[in-house]
Amino acid sequence: MKIDKIDHLVLTVRDIDDSCGFYTRALGMQAITFGDNRRALAFGDCKINLHQAGKEFAPRALHPVPGSADLCLITSEPLSDLIAALRVQGIAVLEGPVARTGAAGPLVSIYLRDPDGNLLEISNQK
């Protein structure tokens, strides 16, 4: 067997509307509704499904909790532009730009947190 790519992942969040607002405003993702009124964040050919804490869809992670994720997202936009946009919105950059290594090679990354405290690494591929 060979896995080709990630289609989607699931974040358990305290407030789906707050999460949709943050990810659409700060990172340019698109909030979508699918299936039986479920919510997700779409970007490129991927999506992040959102589960409301305490109301998760089955099957689910064994111990889903808000703020337990650590995600790396790739952007083609210059990180300096993203940093400036985040500052305007009052979103703190915790670290970076710093050199890192991703799945396809070298990255330059910044780190921030979403409303649930999940760590987001936003990177440019070198």
C-alpha atoms as a PDB file:
ATOM      1  CA  MET A   1       0.000   0.000   0.000  1.00  0.00           C
ATOM      2  CA  LYS A   2       1.086   3.576  -0.688  1.00  0.00           C
ATOM      3  CA  ILE A   3      -0.582   6.713   0.704  1.00  0.00           C
ATOM      4  CA  ASP A   4      -0.509   9.639  -1.742  1.00  0.00           C
ATOM      5  CA  LYS A   5      -1.667  12.675   0.236  1.00  0.00           C
ATOM      6  CA  ILE A   6      -3.895  14.008   2.991  1.00  0.00           C
ATOM      7  CA  ASP A   7      -7.436  14.824   1.876  1.00  0.00           C
ATOM      8  CA  HIS A   8      -8.685  16.370   5.114  1.00  0.00           C
ATOM      9  CA  LEU A   9      -8.103  16.447   8.824  1.00  0.00           C
ATOM     10  CA  VAL A  10     -10.415  17.179  11.739  1.00  0.00           C
ATOM     11  CA  LEU A  11     -10.055  19.836  14.405  1.00  0.00           C
ATOM     12  CA  THR A  12     -12.135  19.684  17.556  1.00  0.00           C
ATOM     13  CA  VAL A  13     -12.975  23.283  18.460  1.00  0.00           C
ATOM     14  CA  ARG A  14     -14.807  25.138  21.212  1.00  0.00           C
ATOM     15  CA  ASP A  15     -16.781  27.357  18.811  1.00  0.00           C
ATOM     16  CA  ILE A  16     -17.167  26.531  15.126  1.00  0.00           C
ATOM     17  CA  ASP A  17     -18.166  30.090  14.160  1.00  0.00           C
ATOM     18  CA  ASP A  18     -15.103  31.562  15.929  1.00  0.00           C
ATOM     19  CA  SER A  19     -12.853  29.044  14.183  1.00  0.00           C
ATOM     20  CA  CYS A  20     -14.414  29.751  10.775  1.00  0.00           C
ATOM     21  CA  GLY A  21     -13.968  33.482  11.352  1.00  0.00           C
ATOM     22  CA  PHE A  22     -10.326  33.129  12.335  1.00  0.00           C
ATOM     23  CA  TYR A  23      -9.282  30.814   9.505  1.00  0.00           C
ATOM     24  CA  THR A  24     -11.152  32.765   6.814  1.00  0.00           C
ATOM     25  CA  ARG A  25     -10.006  36.174   8.044  1.00  0.00           C
ATOM     26  CA  ALA A  26      -6.418  35.364   9.038  1.00  0.00           C
ATOM     27  CA  LEU A  27      -5.501  32.654   6.526  1.00  0.00           C
ATOM     28  CA  GLY A  28      -7.884  33.148   3.604  1.00  0.00           C
ATOM     29  CA  MET A  29      -9.573  29.751   3.865  1.00  0.00           C
ATOM     30  CA  GLN A  30     -13.180  29.311   2.748  1.00  0.00           C
ATOM     31  CA  ALA A  31     -15.795  28.230   5.302  1.00  0.00           C
ATOM     32  CA  ILE A  32     -18.069  25.619   3.743  1.00  0.00           C
ATOM     33  CA  THR A  33     -21.070  23.563   4.812  1.00  0.00           C
ATOM     34  CA  PHE A  34     -21.394  19.967   3.675  1.00  0.00           C
ATOM     35  CA  GLY A  35     -23.301  16.777   4.423  1.00  0.00           C
ATOM     36  CA  ASP A  36     -25.763  17.042   7.294  1.00  0.00           C
ATOM     37  CA  ASN A  37     -25.001  20.723   8.050  1.00  0.00           C
ATOM     38  CA  ARG A  38     -21.359  19.997   8.919  1.00  0.00           C
ATOM     39  CA  ARG A  39     -18.769  22.773   8.688  1.00  0.00           C
ATOM     40  CA  ALA A  40     -15.269  22.789   7.251  1.00  0.00           C
ATOM     41  CA  LEU A  41     -12.509  25.065   6.047  1.00  0.00           C
ATOM     42  CA  ALA A  42     -11.461  24.609   2.419  1.00  0.00           C
ATOM     43  CA  PHE A  43      -8.112  25.594   0.904  1.00  0.00           C
ATOM     44  CA  GLY A  44      -6.418  24.319  -2.246  1.00  0.00           C
ATOM     45  CA  ASP A  45      -7.521  20.715  -2.688  1.00  0.00           C
ATOM     46  CA  CYS A  46      -7.704  20.099   1.085  1.00  0.00           C
ATOM     47  CA  LYS A  47     -10.070  20.807   3.917  1.00  0.00           C
ATOM     48  CA  ILE A  48     -10.227  20.906   7.682  1.00  0.00           C
ATOM     49  CA  ASN A  49     -13.456  19.465   9.062  1.00  0.00           C
ATOM     50  CA  LEU A  50     -14.608  21.069  12.301  1.00  0.00           C
ATOM     51  CA  HIS A  51     -16.123  19.178  15.223  1.00  0.00           C
ATOM     52  CA  GLN A  52     -17.764  21.038  18.090  1.00  0.00           C
ATOM     53  CA  ALA A  53     -16.222  19.878  21.382  1.00  0.00           C
ATOM     54  CA  GLY A  54     -18.660  17.537  23.122  1.00  0.00           C
ATOM     55  CA  LYS A  55     -20.657  17.051  19.895  1.00  0.00           C
ATOM     56  CA  GLU A  56     -18.093  15.246  17.720  1.00  0.00           C
ATOM     57  CA  PHE A  57     -19.178  13.098  14.794  1.00  0.00           C
ATOM     58  CA  ALA A  58     -18.488   9.359  14.974  1.00  0.00           C
ATOM     59  CA  PRO A  59     -16.130   7.793  14.357  1.00  0.00           C
ATOM     60  CA  ARG A  60     -13.739  10.232  16.010  1.00  0.00           C
ATOM     61  CA  ALA A  61     -10.414  10.419  17.794  1.00  0.00           C
ATOM     62  CA  LEU A  62     -10.334   8.560  21.085  1.00  0.00           C
ATOM     63  CA  HIS A  63      -9.802  11.727  23.166  1.00  0.00           C
ATOM     64  CA  PRO A  64     -10.705  14.772  21.041  1.00  0.00           C
ATOM     65  CA  VAL A  65      -9.959  18.098  22.731  1.00  0.00           C
ATOM     66  CA  PRO A  66      -9.646  21.659  21.469  1.00  0.00           C
ATOM     67  CA  GLY A  67      -6.115  22.988  21.238  1.00  0.00           C
ATOM     68  CA  SER A  68      -4.271  19.695  20.796  1.00  0.00           C
ATOM     69  CA  ALA A  69      -3.251  20.094  17.131  1.00  0.00           C
ATOM     70  CA  ASP A  70       0.040  21.216  15.636  1.00  0.00           C
ATOM     71  CA  LEU A  71      -0.378  21.895  11.897  1.00  0.00           C
ATOM     72  CA  CYS A  72       1.996  23.046   9.180  1.00  0.00           C
ATOM     73  CA  LEU A  73       0.345  24.864   6.267  1.00  0.00           C
ATOM     74  CA  ILE A  74       2.166  25.937   3.098  1.00  0.00           C
ATOM     75  CA  THR A  75       1.617  29.303   1.441  1.00  0.00           C
ATOM     76  CA  SER A  76       3.108  30.789  -1.711  1.00  0.00           C
ATOM     77  CA  GLU A  77       2.589  34.305  -0.363  1.00  0.00           C
ATOM     78  CA  PRO A  78       5.657  35.971   1.120  1.00  0.00           C
ATOM     79  CA  LEU A  79       5.741  35.489   4.883  1.00  0.00           C
ATOM     80  CA  SER A  80       6.472  39.207   5.321  1.00  0.00           C
ATOM     81  CA  ASP A  81       3.064  39.975   3.756  1.00  0.00           C
ATOM     82  CA  LEU A  82       1.353  37.438   6.001  1.00  0.00           C
ATOM     83  CA  ILE A  83       3.082  38.804   9.105  1.00  0.00           C
ATOM     84  CA  ALA A  84       1.940  42.340   8.235  1.00  0.00           C
ATOM     85  CA  ALA A  85      -1.657  41.174   7.687  1.00  0.00           C
ATOM     86  CA  LEU A  86      -1.649  39.242  10.970  1.00  0.00           C
ATOM     87  CA  ARG A  87      -0.370  42.300  12.875  1.00  0.00           C
ATOM     88  CA  VAL A  88      -3.194  44.435  11.468  1.00  0.00           C
ATOM     89  CA  GLN A  89      -5.638  41.843  12.837  1.00  0.00           C
ATOM     90  CA  GLY A  90      -3.925  41.742  16.230  1.00  0.00           C
ATOM     91  CA  ILE A  91      -2.738  38.149  15.770  1.00  0.00           C
ATOM     92  CA  ALA A  92       0.650  37.519  17.386  1.00  0.00           C
ATOM     93  CA  VAL A  93       3.440  35.710  15.587  1.00  0.00           C
ATOM     94  CA  LEU A  94       5.015  33.508  18.266  1.00  0.00           C
ATOM     95  CA  GLU A  95       8.202  32.714  16.388  1.00  0.00           C
ATOM     96  CA  GLY A  96       9.783  33.240  13.031  1.00  0.00           C
ATOM     97  CA  PRO A  97      10.592  33.476  10.309  1.00  0.00           C
ATOM     98  CA  VAL A  98      12.796  30.467  11.053  1.00  0.00           C
ATOM     99  CA  ALA A  99      14.303  27.685   8.954  1.00  0.00           C
ATOM    100  CA  ARG A 100      12.577  24.298   9.236  1.00  0.00           C
ATOM    101  CA  THR A 101      12.380  21.046   7.291  1.00  0.00           C
ATOM    102  CA  GLY A 102       9.076  19.911   5.799  1.00  0.00           C
ATOM    103  CA  ALA A 103       7.899  16.830   3.947  1.00  0.00           C
ATOM    104  CA  ALA A 104       9.248  18.108   0.608  1.00  0.00           C
ATOM    105  CA  GLY A 105      12.398  19.818   1.898  1.00  0.00           C
ATOM    106  CA  PRO A 106      13.468  23.131   3.429  1.00  0.00           C
ATOM    107  CA  LEU A 107      10.886  25.597   4.753  1.00  0.00           C
ATOM    108  CA  VAL A 108      10.871  29.087   6.195  1.00  0.00           C
ATOM    109  CA  SER A 109       8.145  29.215   8.854  1.00  0.00           C
ATOM    110  CA  ILE A 110       6.250  31.428  11.248  1.00  0.00           C
ATOM    111  CA  TYR A 111       4.163  30.192  14.179  1.00  0.00           C
ATOM    112  CA  LEU A 112       0.861  31.425  15.587  1.00  0.00           C
ATOM    113  CA  ARG A 113      -2.115  30.083  17.530  1.00  0.00           C
ATOM    114  CA  ASP A 114      -5.755  29.767  16.527  1.00  0.00           C
ATOM    115  CA  PRO A 115      -8.631  30.613  18.930  1.00  0.00           C
ATOM    116  CA  ASP A 116      -8.396  27.154  20.557  1.00  0.00           C
ATOM    117  CA  GLY A 117      -4.639  27.333  21.092  1.00  0.00           C
ATOM    118  CA  ASN A 118      -3.713  24.986  18.243  1.00  0.00           C
ATOM    119  CA  LEU A 119      -0.203  25.705  16.993  1.00  0.00           C
ATOM    120  CA  LEU A 120      -0.130  26.762  13.343  1.00  0.00           C
ATOM    121  CA  GLU A 121       3.108  26.744  11.398  1.00  0.00           C
ATOM    122  CA  ILE A 122       2.719  28.729   8.180  1.00  0.00           C
ATOM    123  CA  SER A 123       5.562  28.115   5.747  1.00  0.00           C
ATOM    124  CA  ASN A 124       7.115  28.984   2.438  1.00  0.00           C
ATOM    125  CA  GLN A 125       8.898  26.178   0.637  1.00  0.00           C
ATOM    126  CA  LYS A 126      12.445  27.073  -0.386  1.00  0.00           C
END
